[in-house]
Amino acid sequence: MDTPKQAPHDLFETIRNHRLTATFVLLATLSAGIIAGSVLTRSVSGKEQTVDSSDARPLVIPKAVDLSNGFEKIAKDVGPAVVNINTESLPKQSANKRSRRGLQRGPQPLNPNGGDDSQQAPGDMQDFFNRFFGGQGGTGGDDDSDSGGGVRAALGSGFIVDPRGYIITNNHVVDKADKIYVKLSTDPDNPNDHGRPAHVIGTDAETDIAVIKIDATEPLPIVKLGNSESAQVGDWVLAIGSPFALSETVTAGIVSAKNRSIDEPGPNGTANQFQKFIQTDAAINPGNSGGPLVDMAGQVIGMNTAIYTQSMGSQGVGFAMPSNIVANVYNMLISPDHKVIRGSIGISFNGAPSSAVSRMYGFAKGGVMVNSVTPNGPAAKAGFQPGDVIVSIDGKPIKDGDQLVADISARKVGSSVQMGYLRDGTQHGATVAIADRAKLFADLPNDGDDNAAPAQSDAGEGKLGITVTSVPSALASKIGIKGGVMVSSVRPGSFADEINLTKGTVITEINKKPVTDESAYRTIVSALKSGDDVVFVVRFAGAGTAAGNSYVGGTLP
């Protein structure tokens, strides 16, 4: 019998043996490659470490080259007179809660700290202090809101115009601030040092201008004031200030427009006729407000006030109050009255009537149509009526409402002017007296407009930090007085709070002057100024007649 064939088994063993052999050969090849690569790498590294760099020459920093285009010299000349302004606002207790619109249009702008202002419409005009960066380090939101939260801190800029320490800034930078501090460019950069205390000399809400003062032991550097009428569209300008608290920051741009209105209502809710701005594309940001806009002669031609933005930052459209307006307002604010007095004849008009209106009523070549006449005002007494068209002042033609306002507001109260006007196409003339514009507006009735000026608050609320009411007759009998006023609220951190003048205290005298009623109280407090010693003669509601008088006082900050 034949033996069975074993070929298939032998073939399988052969293939398996060959596979193992191939596997070992492959592993050996890979190992050899790895070893060779390591050797080559070490060889290359060794060569890099031994490269000869003896022929390399060290870099030499060249001498400084003067490449100035004029900006450098201007920044050095003007910079020392530009200051950083920090303010603190203590929690308020106010019965007159009122919306503050600030420099804006449309809905409330975005509040950096969140809250109800978080939705912003594109194109809102930003108020630097109260809206745009309002509440830096504080609570944010509307600074007219009722008390709540802690101390609000904010910042702005300003520039020194008198070596004795007089500084110009925006009214909205210091408005409602309880404490104001100024840092000079030479002061140490210490975040814990707020700066030198300052006090307000005077403010003008119509133009958003304020004058403050610091004590100077030696003459301070000042800016050179220029004539804003000389600025032309296309001129180079520099904006200097403290944007985002970055002091001594300089940005450059050009004058992009002049005589620009931003449709901001005035303090009494009417159209603001005194804010005509220089427009610039020099970068202006939060903290620049109140700083100078400087021309290539190194002269201040404007004060940076507002921006138009869609992103809470500079988008190349900023607004500066012209220096000619700033200078005129400053001169009135440093006068003994510390207020701006503007002339008025007591009319209202449409500032920009359509060409069809001017053609229809016969003043296409210039003139101002009267919309309304203030009862018992100068124009009314001179016989003016709605529909009349004013065409001349003292024989000089009037082109538009801006020219009329500029002329009349600059005239002395109590003087008179000869005015020419058209009525039903017939030429007429009248002599019109110049009245105090503020008094004319104060006499107008409040028709419930939310933008109308609020009723006068307690005279001591701003200076002393208290509100008062009349003393109830039962209490007056109990403590044995016939007049006086009773403290109804005390603002935390205020002057009254610091001298421990508490709610319920009855004030009978201030600085030896009897306080018979609220009217007498307001008269006395209105005359007080920063630096005055103020002494109150008081009675406490819980004490009887035997307790007698107590004396509370301090120096008004």
Protein backbone atom coordinates (compact mmCIF):
# COMPACT_ATOMS: atom_id res chain seq x y z
CA MET A 1 0.00 0.00 0.00
CA ASP A 2 1.26 3.39 -0.85
CA THR A 3 2.10 5.90 1.93
CA PRO A 4 -0.29 9.05 2.06
CA LYS A 5 1.18 12.28 0.58
CA GLN A 6 2.23 15.07 3.11
CA ALA A 7 2.65 17.89 0.58
CA PRO A 8 -0.04 20.31 1.88
CA HIS A 9 1.31 20.22 5.43
CA ASP A 10 4.89 20.74 4.31
CA LEU A 11 3.81 23.67 2.16
CA PHE A 12 2.04 25.37 5.14
CA GLU A 13 5.12 24.97 7.35
CA THR A 14 7.32 26.40 4.63
CA ILE A 15 5.11 29.50 4.23
CA ARG A 16 4.91 30.02 7.99
CA ASN A 17 8.69 29.78 8.33
CA HIS A 18 9.20 32.24 5.49
CA ARG A 19 6.70 34.72 7.06
CA LEU A 20 8.58 34.72 10.34
CA THR A 21 11.78 35.27 8.50
CA ALA A 22 10.30 38.22 6.60
CA THR A 23 8.98 39.71 9.83
CA PHE A 24 12.38 39.51 11.47
CA VAL A 25 14.02 41.05 8.43
CA LEU A 26 11.50 43.95 8.48
CA LEU A 27 12.05 44.63 12.20
CA ALA A 28 15.77 44.58 11.73
CA THR A 29 15.54 47.07 8.89
CA LEU A 30 13.39 49.47 10.94
CA SER A 31 15.74 49.26 13.91
CA ALA A 32 18.69 50.05 11.70
CA GLY A 33 16.85 53.06 10.27
CA ILE A 34 16.04 54.42 13.73
CA ILE A 35 19.61 54.03 14.87
CA ALA A 36 20.92 55.70 11.73
CA GLY A 37 18.45 58.59 12.13
CA SER A 38 19.52 59.16 15.72
CA VAL A 39 23.16 59.22 14.72
CA LEU A 40 22.48 61.68 11.90
CA THR A 41 20.42 63.93 14.21
CA ARG A 42 23.18 64.03 16.77
CA SER A 43 25.56 64.82 14.01
CA VAL A 44 23.47 67.73 12.76
CA SER A 45 22.90 69.10 16.28
CA GLY A 46 26.55 68.91 16.92
CA LYS A 47 27.29 70.86 13.79
CA GLU A 48 24.75 73.61 14.79
CA GLN A 49 26.37 73.98 18.14
CA THR A 50 29.72 74.47 16.60
CA VAL A 51 28.75 77.14 14.02
CA ASP A 52 31.27 79.98 13.99
CA SER A 53 29.56 83.43 14.53
CA SER A 54 32.71 85.39 15.07
CA ASP A 55 32.02 87.40 11.93
CA ALA A 56 28.55 88.61 13.17
CA ARG A 57 28.40 92.31 14.02
CA PRO A 58 26.36 93.56 17.02
CA LEU A 59 23.47 95.95 16.37
CA VAL A 60 24.02 99.58 17.25
CA ILE A 61 21.14 101.89 18.26
CA PRO A 62 21.51 105.07 16.18
CA LYS A 63 21.25 108.60 17.51
CA ALA A 64 17.72 110.00 17.79
CA VAL A 65 16.60 111.80 14.64
CA ASP A 66 14.11 114.65 14.74
CA LEU A 67 11.26 113.53 12.46
CA SER A 68 8.69 115.85 13.97
CA ASN A 69 5.85 117.09 11.79
CA GLY A 70 4.89 119.68 14.39
CA PHE A 71 2.80 117.36 16.55
CA GLU A 72 5.65 116.62 18.97
CA LYS A 73 6.31 120.28 19.82
CA ILE A 74 2.60 121.02 20.25
CA ALA A 75 2.14 118.05 22.56
CA LYS A 76 5.12 119.13 24.68
CA ASP A 77 3.92 122.73 24.87
CA VAL A 78 0.25 122.04 25.63
CA GLY A 79 0.48 118.76 27.56
CA PRO A 80 1.60 120.20 30.92
CA ALA A 81 -1.52 122.40 31.06
CA VAL A 82 -3.94 119.48 30.46
CA VAL A 83 -5.27 117.87 33.63
CA ASN A 84 -7.05 114.70 34.66
CA ILE A 85 -10.27 115.24 36.62
CA ASN A 86 -11.67 112.60 38.99
CA THR A 87 -15.03 113.01 40.68
CA GLU A 88 -17.00 111.21 43.35
CA SER A 89 -20.78 111.31 43.66
CA LEU A 90 -22.35 110.16 46.88
CA PRO A 91 -25.73 108.40 47.01
CA LYS A 92 -28.51 110.94 46.52
CA GLN A 93 -31.95 111.21 48.08
CA SER A 94 -34.02 113.17 45.60
CA ALA A 95 -37.72 113.84 45.37
CA ASN A 96 -37.33 115.24 41.88
CA LYS A 97 -36.51 112.16 39.86
CA ARG A 98 -36.12 113.29 36.29
CA SER A 99 -34.73 111.82 33.11
CA ARG A 100 -31.44 113.31 32.01
CA ARG A 101 -31.03 113.04 28.29
CA GLY A 102 -27.43 114.17 28.07
CA LEU A 103 -25.73 114.40 24.69
CA GLN A 104 -27.66 111.70 22.88
CA ARG A 105 -30.47 110.95 20.50
CA GLY A 106 -32.87 108.04 20.54
CA PRO A 107 -33.04 105.43 23.34
CA GLN A 108 -30.77 105.43 26.37
CA PRO A 109 -27.21 104.51 25.33
CA LEU A 110 -25.46 101.39 26.49
CA ASN A 111 -24.53 101.32 30.15
CA PRO A 112 -21.05 99.79 30.53
CA ASN A 113 -22.13 98.14 33.77
CA GLY A 114 -25.26 96.54 32.39
CA GLY A 115 -28.75 97.22 33.69
CA ASP A 116 -31.74 98.74 31.94
CA ASP A 117 -29.60 100.60 29.41
CA SER A 118 -28.20 97.48 27.82
CA GLN A 119 -30.01 97.94 24.52
CA GLN A 120 -28.54 100.69 22.40
CA ALA A 121 -29.83 101.92 19.10
CA PRO A 122 -27.16 102.55 16.44
CA GLY A 123 -26.04 106.13 16.26
CA ASP A 124 -26.85 107.23 19.80
CA MET A 125 -25.08 110.43 20.87
CA GLN A 126 -23.06 109.65 23.96
CA ASP A 127 -22.78 111.81 27.05
CA PHE A 128 -19.20 111.15 28.17
CA PHE A 129 -19.59 111.41 31.93
CA ASN A 130 -23.12 110.35 32.87
CA ARG A 131 -23.78 107.89 30.07
CA PHE A 132 -20.76 106.83 28.08
CA PHE A 133 -18.48 105.90 30.95
CA GLY A 134 -20.80 106.82 33.80
CA GLY A 135 -20.12 104.81 36.91
CA GLN A 136 -16.52 103.82 36.34
CA GLY A 137 -15.73 102.35 39.66
CA GLY A 138 -19.30 102.94 40.77
CA THR A 139 -22.82 101.83 40.08
CA GLY A 140 -23.43 103.09 36.56
CA GLY A 141 -26.88 103.88 35.33
CA ASP A 142 -28.72 107.16 35.57
CA ASP A 143 -27.09 109.56 37.95
CA ASP A 144 -30.46 111.08 38.69
CA SER A 145 -31.80 107.91 40.19
CA ASP A 146 -32.69 107.67 43.84
CA SER A 147 -30.14 106.69 46.43
CA GLY A 148 -28.70 103.23 46.22
CA GLY A 149 -25.33 101.57 45.86
CA GLY A 150 -22.04 103.11 46.84
CA VAL A 151 -19.96 106.08 45.83
CA ARG A 152 -19.84 106.69 42.09
CA ALA A 153 -16.46 107.59 40.62
CA ALA A 154 -15.92 108.98 37.15
CA LEU A 155 -13.34 110.93 35.23
CA GLY A 156 -12.75 113.55 32.59
CA SER A 157 -10.19 116.07 31.40
CA GLY A 158 -9.66 119.81 31.56
CA PHE A 159 -7.11 122.51 30.75
CA ILE A 160 -5.58 125.29 32.85
CA VAL A 161 -6.21 128.82 31.56
CA ASP A 162 -4.96 130.84 34.53
CA PRO A 163 -1.68 130.15 36.39
CA ARG A 164 -3.55 130.66 39.68
CA GLY A 165 -5.36 127.35 39.13
CA TYR A 166 -8.48 128.13 37.08
CA ILE A 167 -9.47 125.20 34.88
CA ILE A 168 -12.06 124.83 32.10
CA THR A 169 -13.90 121.54 31.62
CA ASN A 170 -17.34 120.23 30.69
CA ASN A 171 -20.29 120.88 32.99
CA HIS A 172 -21.29 117.22 32.73
CA VAL A 173 -17.87 116.22 34.10
CA VAL A 174 -18.53 117.95 37.45
CA ASP A 175 -22.34 118.09 37.47
CA LYS A 176 -23.73 116.58 40.69
CA ALA A 177 -20.22 115.62 41.85
CA ASP A 178 -19.73 115.87 45.60
CA LYS A 179 -15.95 115.74 45.44
CA ILE A 180 -13.69 116.88 42.59
CA TYR A 181 -9.99 116.08 42.30
CA VAL A 182 -7.47 117.31 39.74
CA LYS A 183 -4.20 115.63 38.77
CA LEU A 184 -1.52 117.64 36.99
CA SER A 185 0.82 116.10 34.44
CA THR A 186 3.64 116.49 36.96
CA ASP A 187 1.83 114.74 39.82
CA PRO A 188 3.03 111.21 40.74
CA ASP A 189 1.24 108.38 38.96
CA ASN A 190 -0.22 106.87 42.12
CA PRO A 191 -3.62 105.14 41.71
CA ASN A 192 -4.34 105.67 45.40
CA ASP A 193 -3.87 109.42 45.10
CA HIS A 194 -6.96 111.11 43.66
CA GLY A 195 -5.17 114.42 43.19
CA ARG A 196 -5.71 117.96 44.40
CA PRO A 197 -9.17 118.97 45.65
CA ALA A 198 -11.02 121.41 43.42
CA HIS A 199 -14.20 123.44 43.75
CA VAL A 200 -16.64 124.76 41.19
CA ILE A 201 -16.48 128.45 40.29
CA GLY A 202 -19.46 128.41 37.92
CA THR A 203 -21.29 126.29 35.35
CA ASP A 204 -23.40 126.84 32.26
CA ALA A 205 -25.65 123.95 31.27
CA GLU A 206 -26.61 125.61 27.96
CA THR A 207 -23.08 125.23 26.58
CA ASP A 208 -21.95 122.40 28.88
CA ILE A 209 -19.06 124.51 30.21
CA ALA A 210 -17.74 124.61 33.77
CA VAL A 211 -14.94 126.47 35.53
CA ILE A 212 -13.24 124.85 38.51
CA LYS A 213 -10.24 125.91 40.60
CA ILE A 214 -7.45 124.27 42.54
CA ASP A 215 -5.13 125.96 45.03
CA ALA A 216 -1.75 126.70 43.47
CA THR A 217 1.33 127.43 45.59
CA GLU A 218 3.22 128.46 42.45
CA PRO A 219 2.17 129.54 38.93
CA LEU A 220 0.83 126.66 36.85
CA PRO A 221 1.38 126.10 33.11
CA ILE A 222 -1.48 127.35 30.93
CA VAL A 223 -2.74 126.76 27.39
CA LYS A 224 -2.81 129.38 24.66
CA LEU A 225 -6.34 130.19 23.60
CA GLY A 226 -6.97 130.49 19.86
CA ASN A 227 -9.74 132.02 17.74
CA SER A 228 -12.05 129.23 16.66
CA GLU A 229 -13.25 131.28 13.70
CA SER A 230 -9.81 130.80 12.12
CA ALA A 231 -10.21 127.00 12.07
CA GLN A 232 -11.11 125.70 8.62
CA VAL A 233 -12.40 122.33 7.43
CA GLY A 234 -9.36 120.20 6.61
CA ASP A 235 -7.03 121.78 9.19
CA TRP A 236 -4.95 119.41 11.31
CA VAL A 237 -5.89 119.29 15.01
CA LEU A 238 -4.82 117.37 18.11
CA ALA A 239 -7.08 116.12 20.90
CA ILE A 240 -5.35 115.84 24.30
CA GLY A 241 -6.78 114.26 27.43
CA SER A 242 -7.18 111.11 29.51
CA PRO A 243 -9.21 108.58 27.51
CA PHE A 244 -9.95 105.46 29.55
CA ALA A 245 -7.89 107.05 32.37
CA LEU A 246 -4.76 107.00 30.17
CA SER A 247 -3.42 110.45 31.00
CA GLU A 248 -1.51 112.68 28.56
CA THR A 249 -2.86 110.87 25.50
CA VAL A 250 -2.59 112.70 22.16
CA THR A 251 -4.60 111.85 19.05
CA ALA A 252 -4.52 113.58 15.66
CA GLY A 253 -7.12 114.32 13.00
CA ILE A 254 -8.63 117.15 11.02
CA VAL A 255 -11.50 119.57 11.35
CA SER A 256 -14.20 117.70 9.45
CA ALA A 257 -17.04 120.24 9.80
CA LYS A 258 -17.94 123.49 11.56
CA ASN A 259 -21.04 124.96 13.16
CA ARG A 260 -22.43 121.46 13.70
CA SER A 261 -25.60 120.99 15.74
CA ILE A 262 -26.32 117.67 17.45
CA ASP A 263 -30.00 118.32 18.19
CA GLU A 264 -29.53 118.25 21.95
CA PRO A 265 -32.37 119.82 23.96
CA GLY A 266 -31.46 122.62 26.33
CA PRO A 267 -31.96 122.49 30.12
CA ASN A 268 -35.55 123.70 29.81
CA GLY A 269 -36.44 121.15 27.14
CA THR A 270 -36.42 123.60 24.22
CA ALA A 271 -34.02 123.29 21.32
CA ASN A 272 -30.49 124.16 22.42
CA GLN A 273 -29.49 127.27 20.51
CA PHE A 274 -26.03 127.66 22.03
CA GLN A 275 -24.32 124.39 21.13
CA LYS A 276 -22.68 124.74 17.72
CA PHE A 277 -19.69 122.43 17.54
CA ILE A 278 -16.45 121.93 15.65
CA GLN A 279 -16.55 118.40 14.26
CA THR A 280 -13.32 116.38 14.12
CA ASP A 281 -12.10 112.88 13.31
CA ALA A 282 -9.33 113.04 15.93
CA ALA A 283 -9.97 110.02 18.15
CA ILE A 284 -12.02 111.09 21.18
CA ASN A 285 -12.98 108.50 23.78
CA PRO A 286 -14.31 108.29 27.35
CA GLY A 287 -12.13 110.48 29.52
CA ASN A 288 -11.33 113.01 26.76
CA SER A 289 -14.39 115.03 27.72
CA GLY A 290 -13.35 118.54 28.77
CA GLY A 291 -9.91 118.31 27.19
CA PRO A 292 -8.58 120.71 24.54
CA LEU A 293 -8.71 120.50 20.76
CA VAL A 294 -5.51 122.17 19.55
CA ASP A 295 -4.55 123.60 16.14
CA MET A 296 -1.13 123.53 14.50
CA ALA A 297 -0.24 126.85 16.11
CA GLY A 298 -0.51 125.12 19.50
CA GLN A 299 -3.63 127.10 20.37
CA VAL A 300 -6.83 125.69 21.86
CA ILE A 301 -9.68 126.13 19.37
CA GLY A 302 -12.21 123.89 21.10
CA MET A 303 -13.15 121.78 24.12
CA ASN A 304 -13.90 118.11 23.43
CA THR A 305 -17.45 117.39 24.50
CA ALA A 306 -19.17 114.48 22.74
CA ILE A 307 -18.89 111.76 20.10
CA TYR A 308 -21.23 110.04 17.70
CA THR A 309 -20.77 106.28 18.03
CA GLN A 310 -22.29 102.89 17.39
CA SER A 311 -19.76 100.95 19.43
CA MET A 312 -19.11 102.93 22.64
CA GLY A 313 -15.78 104.10 21.17
CA SER A 314 -14.41 106.58 18.68
CA GLN A 315 -15.64 106.19 15.13
CA GLY A 316 -14.11 109.35 13.77
CA VAL A 317 -16.93 111.78 14.55
CA GLY A 318 -16.27 113.93 17.61
CA PHE A 319 -17.55 117.33 18.69
CA ALA A 320 -15.73 120.20 20.39
CA MET A 321 -17.23 123.43 21.74
CA PRO A 322 -15.54 126.35 19.87
CA SER A 323 -13.01 128.31 21.91
CA ASN A 324 -14.72 131.64 21.21
CA ILE A 325 -17.86 130.41 22.97
CA VAL A 326 -15.76 128.87 25.75
CA ALA A 327 -13.92 132.16 26.35
CA ASN A 328 -17.12 134.24 26.48
CA VAL A 329 -18.78 131.85 28.93
CA TYR A 330 -15.62 131.62 31.06
CA ASN A 331 -15.47 135.40 31.41
CA MET A 332 -19.04 135.48 32.72
CA LEU A 333 -18.52 132.51 35.07
CA ILE A 334 -15.53 134.13 36.81
CA SER A 335 -17.45 137.38 37.30
CA PRO A 336 -18.84 138.19 40.78
CA ASP A 337 -22.23 136.66 39.86
CA HIS A 338 -20.62 133.41 38.64
CA LYS A 339 -23.36 132.87 36.09
CA VAL A 340 -24.06 133.39 32.40
CA ILE A 341 -26.59 136.07 31.52
CA ARG A 342 -27.98 136.02 27.98
CA GLY A 343 -30.22 138.54 26.33
CA SER A 344 -33.62 137.67 24.88
CA ILE A 345 -36.63 139.43 23.39
CA GLY A 346 -39.09 136.65 24.24
CA ILE A 347 -39.92 134.86 21.00
CA SER A 348 -39.65 131.36 19.58
CA PHE A 349 -39.01 130.49 15.95
CA ASN A 350 -38.36 127.60 13.58
CA GLY A 351 -34.62 127.52 13.09
CA ALA A 352 -34.66 125.81 9.70
CA PRO A 353 -37.89 126.47 7.77
CA SER A 354 -38.28 124.88 4.36
CA SER A 355 -37.59 126.93 1.25
CA ALA A 356 -41.28 126.71 0.40
CA VAL A 357 -42.18 128.47 3.67
CA SER A 358 -39.64 131.23 3.12
CA ARG A 359 -40.83 131.80 -0.44
CA MET A 360 -44.50 131.79 0.51
CA TYR A 361 -44.03 134.34 3.29
CA GLY A 362 -41.59 136.55 1.45
CA PHE A 363 -38.28 136.01 3.24
CA ALA A 364 -36.45 133.75 0.80
CA LYS A 365 -33.41 136.04 0.96
CA GLY A 366 -33.19 135.92 4.75
CA GLY A 367 -35.17 136.47 7.91
CA VAL A 368 -36.67 134.69 10.91
CA MET A 369 -40.38 133.90 11.22
CA VAL A 370 -41.81 134.27 14.72
CA ASN A 371 -43.66 131.17 15.94
CA SER A 372 -44.79 132.47 19.33
CA VAL A 373 -44.39 135.52 21.54
CA THR A 374 -43.83 135.26 25.30
CA PRO A 375 -46.68 137.02 27.14
CA ASN A 376 -45.53 140.28 28.74
CA GLY A 377 -42.07 139.81 27.23
CA PRO A 378 -40.16 142.54 25.36
CA ALA A 379 -41.34 141.42 21.90
CA ALA A 380 -44.96 141.29 23.06
CA LYS A 381 -44.70 144.78 24.53
CA ALA A 382 -43.20 146.02 21.25
CA GLY A 383 -46.20 144.68 19.32
CA PHE A 384 -44.75 141.55 17.71
CA GLN A 385 -47.16 138.79 16.67
CA PRO A 386 -46.80 135.18 15.52
CA GLY A 387 -46.17 135.14 11.77
CA ASP A 388 -44.05 138.30 11.75
CA VAL A 389 -40.70 137.92 9.97
CA ILE A 390 -37.69 139.63 11.58
CA VAL A 391 -35.40 140.85 8.78
CA SER A 392 -32.96 143.28 10.45
CA ILE A 393 -31.34 144.35 13.74
CA ASP A 394 -30.13 147.93 14.01
CA GLY A 395 -30.32 148.16 10.23
CA LYS A 396 -28.22 145.04 9.57
CA PRO A 397 -29.92 142.18 7.64
CA ILE A 398 -30.64 138.97 9.56
CA LYS A 399 -29.96 135.80 7.60
CA ASP A 400 -31.28 133.10 9.92
CA GLY A 401 -32.14 132.16 13.49
CA ASP A 402 -28.53 131.40 14.47
CA GLN A 403 -27.51 134.93 13.60
CA LEU A 404 -30.48 136.37 15.48
CA VAL A 405 -29.71 134.39 18.63
CA ALA A 406 -25.99 135.18 18.51
CA ASP A 407 -26.73 138.91 18.23
CA ILE A 408 -29.49 139.20 20.84
CA SER A 409 -27.99 136.85 23.44
CA ALA A 410 -24.73 138.83 23.47
CA ARG A 411 -26.46 142.16 24.21
CA LYS A 412 -26.61 143.68 27.67
CA VAL A 413 -29.80 143.14 29.62
CA GLY A 414 -31.67 146.42 29.91
CA SER A 415 -30.44 147.80 26.59
CA SER A 416 -32.69 148.16 23.54
CA VAL A 417 -32.44 147.31 19.85
CA GLN A 418 -34.16 148.54 16.69
CA MET A 419 -35.72 145.65 14.78
CA GLY A 420 -37.18 145.55 11.30
CA TYR A 421 -39.86 143.02 10.45
CA LEU A 422 -42.41 142.07 7.81
CA ARG A 423 -46.10 141.60 8.48
CA ASP A 424 -48.25 140.52 5.56
CA GLY A 425 -45.45 141.64 3.26
CA THR A 426 -45.35 145.17 4.70
CA GLN A 427 -42.19 146.54 6.32
CA HIS A 428 -42.43 147.62 9.98
CA GLY A 429 -40.00 148.67 12.70
CA ALA A 430 -39.98 148.57 16.50
CA THR A 431 -37.69 149.30 19.43
CA VAL A 432 -37.37 146.20 21.60
CA ALA A 433 -35.85 145.94 25.09
CA ILE A 434 -33.38 143.17 25.94
CA ALA A 435 -34.42 140.98 28.88
CA ASP A 436 -32.66 138.24 30.86
CA ARG A 437 -33.30 135.02 28.96
CA ALA A 438 -33.17 132.84 32.07
CA LYS A 439 -35.87 134.91 33.79
CA LEU A 440 -38.10 134.82 30.73
CA PHE A 441 -37.90 131.04 30.64
CA ALA A 442 -38.41 130.80 34.39
CA ASP A 443 -41.68 132.69 34.02
CA LEU A 444 -43.03 130.27 31.42
CA PRO A 445 -45.64 127.78 32.74
CA ASN A 446 -44.78 124.10 32.95
CA ASP A 447 -47.24 122.17 30.80
CA GLY A 448 -46.14 118.81 32.08
CA ASP A 449 -43.33 118.26 29.57
CA ASP A 450 -40.86 115.77 30.99
CA ASN A 451 -38.05 117.85 29.54
CA ALA A 452 -39.12 121.04 31.30
CA ALA A 453 -36.91 122.34 34.09
CA PRO A 454 -37.82 120.80 37.45
CA ALA A 455 -39.11 122.84 40.32
CA GLN A 456 -36.41 124.48 42.41
CA SER A 457 -35.13 122.01 44.97
CA ASP A 458 -34.22 122.76 48.54
CA ALA A 459 -31.42 125.35 48.47
CA GLY A 460 -29.35 123.34 50.95
CA GLU A 461 -29.56 120.03 49.12
CA GLY A 462 -26.58 120.71 46.90
CA LYS A 463 -24.35 122.67 49.30
CA LEU A 464 -25.19 121.10 52.65
CA GLY A 465 -26.64 117.75 51.70
CA ILE A 466 -29.97 118.23 53.50
CA THR A 467 -33.60 118.93 52.72
CA VAL A 468 -35.82 120.80 55.14
CA THR A 469 -39.48 121.37 55.88
CA SER A 470 -41.40 123.76 58.09
CA VAL A 471 -41.56 122.89 61.79
CA PRO A 472 -44.93 121.41 62.89
CA SER A 473 -46.68 123.79 65.26
CA ALA A 474 -47.00 121.13 67.99
CA LEU A 475 -43.25 120.50 67.90
CA ALA A 476 -42.48 124.23 67.88
CA SER A 477 -44.55 124.66 71.04
CA LYS A 478 -42.91 121.66 72.69
CA ILE A 479 -39.34 122.90 72.22
CA GLY A 480 -40.25 126.57 72.74
CA ILE A 481 -39.50 128.18 69.35
CA LYS A 482 -41.50 130.39 67.00
CA GLY A 483 -39.70 129.71 63.71
CA GLY A 484 -37.03 127.52 62.19
CA VAL A 485 -36.93 124.61 59.78
CA MET A 486 -36.68 120.87 60.41
CA VAL A 487 -34.20 118.58 58.63
CA SER A 488 -36.20 116.01 56.66
CA SER A 489 -33.30 114.09 55.06
CA VAL A 490 -29.51 113.95 55.14
CA ARG A 491 -27.45 112.72 52.20
CA PRO A 492 -24.83 110.14 53.25
CA GLY A 493 -21.29 111.50 53.05
CA SER A 494 -22.43 115.11 52.68
CA PHE A 495 -21.23 118.12 54.68
CA ALA A 496 -24.24 117.85 57.00
CA ASP A 497 -23.60 114.14 57.52
CA GLU A 498 -19.94 114.77 58.38
CA ILE A 499 -20.82 117.33 61.09
CA ASN A 500 -23.54 115.03 62.50
CA LEU A 501 -26.54 117.11 61.50
CA THR A 502 -29.26 114.47 61.73
CA LYS A 503 -32.79 114.01 60.44
CA GLY A 504 -35.38 115.63 62.71
CA THR A 505 -33.03 118.36 63.92
CA VAL A 506 -34.58 121.84 64.03
CA ILE A 507 -32.40 124.69 62.72
CA THR A 508 -33.11 128.13 64.21
CA GLU A 509 -29.99 130.07 63.16
CA ILE A 510 -27.21 129.83 60.57
CA ASN A 511 -24.09 131.96 61.11
CA LYS A 512 -25.94 134.17 63.64
CA LYS A 513 -28.76 134.85 61.17
CA PRO A 514 -32.25 133.79 62.31
CA VAL A 515 -33.97 131.08 60.29
CA THR A 516 -37.61 132.10 60.64
CA ASP A 517 -38.97 129.93 57.82
CA GLU A 518 -37.99 128.05 54.64
CA SER A 519 -37.64 131.26 52.67
CA ALA A 520 -35.17 132.73 55.15
CA TYR A 521 -33.30 129.42 55.20
CA ARG A 522 -32.93 129.40 51.39
CA THR A 523 -31.73 133.00 51.37
CA ILE A 524 -29.01 132.31 53.93
CA VAL A 525 -27.83 129.05 52.36
CA SER A 526 -27.76 130.51 48.85
CA ALA A 527 -25.12 133.00 49.99
CA LEU A 528 -22.81 130.31 51.39
CA LYS A 529 -19.74 129.37 49.38
CA SER A 530 -16.93 126.87 49.51
CA GLY A 531 -14.48 127.55 52.33
CA ASP A 532 -17.03 129.32 54.55
CA ASP A 533 -17.40 128.36 58.19
CA VAL A 534 -21.04 127.34 58.73
CA VAL A 535 -22.47 127.18 62.26
CA PHE A 536 -26.01 126.00 62.99
CA VAL A 537 -27.99 126.76 66.13
CA VAL A 538 -30.21 123.70 66.51
CA ARG A 539 -32.84 122.10 68.74
CA PHE A 540 -33.51 118.40 68.92
CA ALA A 541 -37.05 117.13 68.43
CA GLY A 542 -36.89 114.82 71.46
CA ALA A 543 -35.78 117.54 73.87
CA GLY A 544 -37.97 119.96 75.77
CA THR A 545 -37.66 123.70 76.31
CA ALA A 546 -35.14 123.19 79.11
CA ALA A 547 -32.62 121.57 76.76
CA GLY A 548 -31.70 124.92 75.20
CA ASN A 549 -29.68 125.48 72.03
CA SER A 550 -26.97 123.28 70.59
CA TYR A 551 -24.28 124.40 68.14
CA VAL A 552 -23.13 122.33 65.17
CA GLY A 553 -20.67 123.54 62.54
CA GLY A 554 -17.85 122.98 60.12
CA THR A 555 -16.07 124.42 57.06
CA LEU A 556 -17.98 124.03 53.81
CA PRO A 557 -15.91 122.04 51.28
